[in-house]
Amino acid sequence: MEVVDHIGNIDLLKLQKTAFLCSREIPASIVLKCYDWAIAQREQGNCIIGGFHSKIEKDVLHYLLKGEQPIIIAMARGLKQRIESEFKSELEKGRLLIVTPFVKETKRITTETATIRNQLMIDLADSITVGFISKAGNLYKLLKQSKKVITMIE
């Protein structure tokens, strides 16, 4: 899987990267552990790549953005015309990269585009951390095929 389009510091792809993946449905008992994990990654300066689409992933991104470490956002659609204001200063600082495996004309996020985006993240990452995984979900099937080290947040 390849990056088709990007905005930001492409050199972040050369760094050691951990992908953060999480099923949309997550037990309340895991939520705070995901926040603690994000804060620890931020404090350690680790580069995290994520889709940051679901509620929990957006919360993890919120904690990561409070630091100075590099972040890579992988889109499950083409790049947007307008970049969110919260990302502009981070792009200018060179600590943020937004990537997508899709052309600009891909406007809708679907189960299929999310799966392709997740595969891109897995391919780009050196390691994978999973907040929670539903054994009935697409993410479970995708990760089962991966040969990379997968760490579960517990």
Protein backbone atom coordinates (compact mmCIF):
# COMPACT_ATOMS: atom_id res chain seq x y z
CA MET A 1 0.00 0.00 0.00
CA GLU A 2 1.39 3.41 -0.96
CA VAL A 3 0.84 7.03 -0.04
CA VAL A 4 -0.92 8.64 -3.03
CA ASP A 5 -1.17 12.18 -1.64
CA HIS A 6 0.12 14.05 1.39
CA ILE A 7 0.48 17.40 3.08
CA GLY A 8 3.14 18.18 5.66
CA ASN A 9 6.58 16.87 6.54
CA ILE A 10 7.09 13.76 4.37
CA ASP A 11 10.37 13.07 6.18
CA LEU A 12 8.31 11.84 9.16
CA LEU A 13 7.88 8.60 7.21
CA LYS A 14 11.59 7.91 7.81
CA LEU A 15 11.07 7.83 11.59
CA GLN A 16 10.29 4.83 13.78
CA LYS A 17 6.47 4.80 13.84
CA THR A 18 3.80 3.14 15.95
CA ALA A 19 0.32 2.75 14.47
CA PHE A 20 -2.59 3.25 16.87
CA LEU A 21 -5.67 1.26 15.88
CA CYS A 22 -8.87 0.73 17.81
CA SER A 23 -12.31 -0.73 17.13
CA ARG A 24 -15.10 1.84 17.18
CA GLU A 25 -16.86 0.09 20.06
CA ILE A 26 -14.61 0.13 23.10
CA PRO A 27 -15.28 -0.83 26.74
CA ALA A 28 -15.24 2.08 29.17
CA SER A 29 -12.52 0.31 31.18
CA ILE A 30 -10.09 0.67 28.24
CA VAL A 31 -10.76 4.35 27.43
CA LEU A 32 -8.60 5.82 30.22
CA LYS A 33 -5.84 3.31 29.44
CA CYS A 34 -5.80 4.60 25.84
CA TYR A 35 -5.50 8.17 27.13
CA ASP A 36 -2.65 7.15 29.44
CA TRP A 37 -0.93 5.40 26.52
CA ALA A 38 -1.25 8.54 24.35
CA ILE A 39 0.19 10.74 27.09
CA ALA A 40 3.11 8.33 27.57
CA GLN A 41 3.82 8.32 23.82
CA ARG A 42 3.70 12.12 23.79
CA GLU A 43 6.08 12.38 26.74
CA GLN A 44 8.49 9.88 25.16
CA GLY A 45 8.41 11.79 21.85
CA ASN A 46 7.28 8.76 19.84
CA CYS A 47 5.93 9.18 16.32
CA ILE A 48 2.36 7.87 16.13
CA ILE A 49 0.39 7.16 12.98
CA GLY A 50 -3.37 6.87 13.18
CA GLY A 51 -6.61 7.39 11.34
CA PHE A 52 -7.95 9.39 14.29
CA HIS A 53 -11.49 8.98 12.97
CA SER A 54 -13.50 7.34 15.78
CA LYS A 55 -14.27 9.08 19.07
CA ILE A 56 -11.51 7.30 20.99
CA GLU A 57 -8.99 7.93 18.19
CA LYS A 58 -9.89 11.63 18.14
CA ASP A 59 -9.35 11.73 21.91
CA VAL A 60 -5.93 10.08 21.52
CA LEU A 61 -5.04 12.66 18.87
CA HIS A 62 -6.13 15.43 21.25
CA TYR A 63 -3.59 14.23 23.83
CA LEU A 64 -0.86 13.77 21.23
CA LEU A 65 -1.33 17.28 19.81
CA LYS A 66 -0.51 18.76 23.23
CA GLY A 67 3.10 17.59 22.79
CA GLU A 68 5.88 18.27 20.30
CA GLN A 69 6.42 14.73 18.96
CA PRO A 70 5.72 13.84 15.33
CA ILE A 71 2.24 12.68 14.30
CA ILE A 72 1.06 11.13 11.06
CA ILE A 73 -2.64 11.18 10.23
CA ALA A 74 -3.80 8.63 7.67
CA MET A 75 -7.01 9.56 5.85
CA ALA A 76 -9.65 7.08 4.69
CA ARG A 77 -10.48 9.44 1.81
CA GLY A 78 -8.69 11.93 -0.42
CA LEU A 79 -7.11 15.04 1.11
CA LYS A 80 -9.55 17.77 2.09
CA GLN A 81 -9.56 21.14 0.33
CA ARG A 82 -9.35 22.92 3.67
CA ILE A 83 -7.13 21.81 6.53
CA GLU A 84 -8.53 22.06 10.08
CA SER A 85 -7.19 25.10 11.92
CA GLU A 86 -5.88 22.93 14.77
CA PHE A 87 -3.51 21.25 12.26
CA LYS A 88 -2.16 24.35 10.48
CA SER A 89 0.39 25.37 13.12
CA GLU A 90 1.50 21.75 13.57
CA LEU A 91 2.06 21.45 9.81
CA GLU A 92 4.09 24.68 9.88
CA LYS A 93 6.21 23.32 12.74
CA GLY A 94 6.99 20.25 10.63
CA ARG A 95 5.69 17.80 13.23
CA LEU A 96 2.58 16.74 11.33
CA LEU A 97 2.08 14.74 8.16
CA ILE A 98 -1.30 13.91 6.66
CA VAL A 99 -1.23 11.00 4.20
CA THR A 100 -3.80 9.18 2.11
CA PRO A 101 -3.81 6.20 -0.24
CA PHE A 102 -6.60 7.94 -2.20
CA VAL A 103 -6.90 10.65 -4.85
CA LYS A 104 -8.65 13.94 -4.00
CA GLU A 105 -11.82 12.79 -5.76
CA THR A 106 -12.40 10.09 -3.10
CA LYS A 107 -14.67 12.13 -0.83
CA ARG A 108 -16.56 9.55 1.25
CA ILE A 109 -15.28 7.33 4.01
CA THR A 110 -16.62 3.80 3.69
CA THR A 111 -15.83 0.48 5.34
CA GLU A 112 -13.70 -0.30 2.29
CA THR A 113 -11.73 2.98 2.35
CA ALA A 114 -11.20 2.61 6.12
CA THR A 115 -9.80 -0.89 5.59
CA ILE A 116 -7.45 0.38 2.86
CA ARG A 117 -6.35 3.25 5.14
CA ASN A 118 -5.75 0.82 8.02
CA GLN A 119 -3.66 -1.39 5.74
CA LEU A 120 -1.59 1.65 4.76
CA MET A 121 -1.00 2.43 8.44
CA ILE A 122 0.04 -1.16 9.14
CA ASP A 123 2.40 -1.11 6.14
CA LEU A 124 3.99 2.19 7.17
CA ALA A 125 4.32 1.40 10.89
CA ASP A 126 7.20 -0.34 12.59
CA SER A 127 4.94 -1.52 15.42
CA ILE A 128 1.23 -1.57 16.13
CA THR A 129 -0.66 -0.71 19.30
CA VAL A 130 -4.32 -1.66 19.57
CA GLY A 131 -6.61 0.07 22.05
CA PHE A 132 -9.33 -2.55 21.69
CA ILE A 133 -10.33 -4.99 19.00
CA SER A 134 -13.67 -6.60 18.32
CA LYS A 135 -13.16 -10.18 17.15
CA ALA A 136 -16.13 -9.74 14.80
CA GLY A 137 -14.75 -6.61 13.15
CA ASN A 138 -12.78 -5.85 10.00
CA LEU A 139 -9.81 -4.63 12.04
CA TYR A 140 -9.42 -8.06 13.64
CA LYS A 141 -9.30 -9.74 10.22
CA LEU A 142 -6.76 -7.20 8.95
CA LEU A 143 -4.45 -7.48 11.96
CA LYS A 144 -4.61 -11.27 11.91
CA GLN A 145 -2.77 -11.13 8.56
CA SER A 146 -0.02 -8.83 9.84
CA LYS A 147 3.42 -10.16 10.70
CA LYS A 148 4.29 -7.09 12.78
CA VAL A 149 4.47 -6.95 16.58
CA ILE A 150 1.05 -6.02 17.95
CA THR A 151 0.71 -4.66 21.48
CA MET A 152 -2.70 -4.56 23.17
CA ILE A 153 -3.48 -1.78 25.64
CA GLU A 154 -4.58 -3.52 28.83
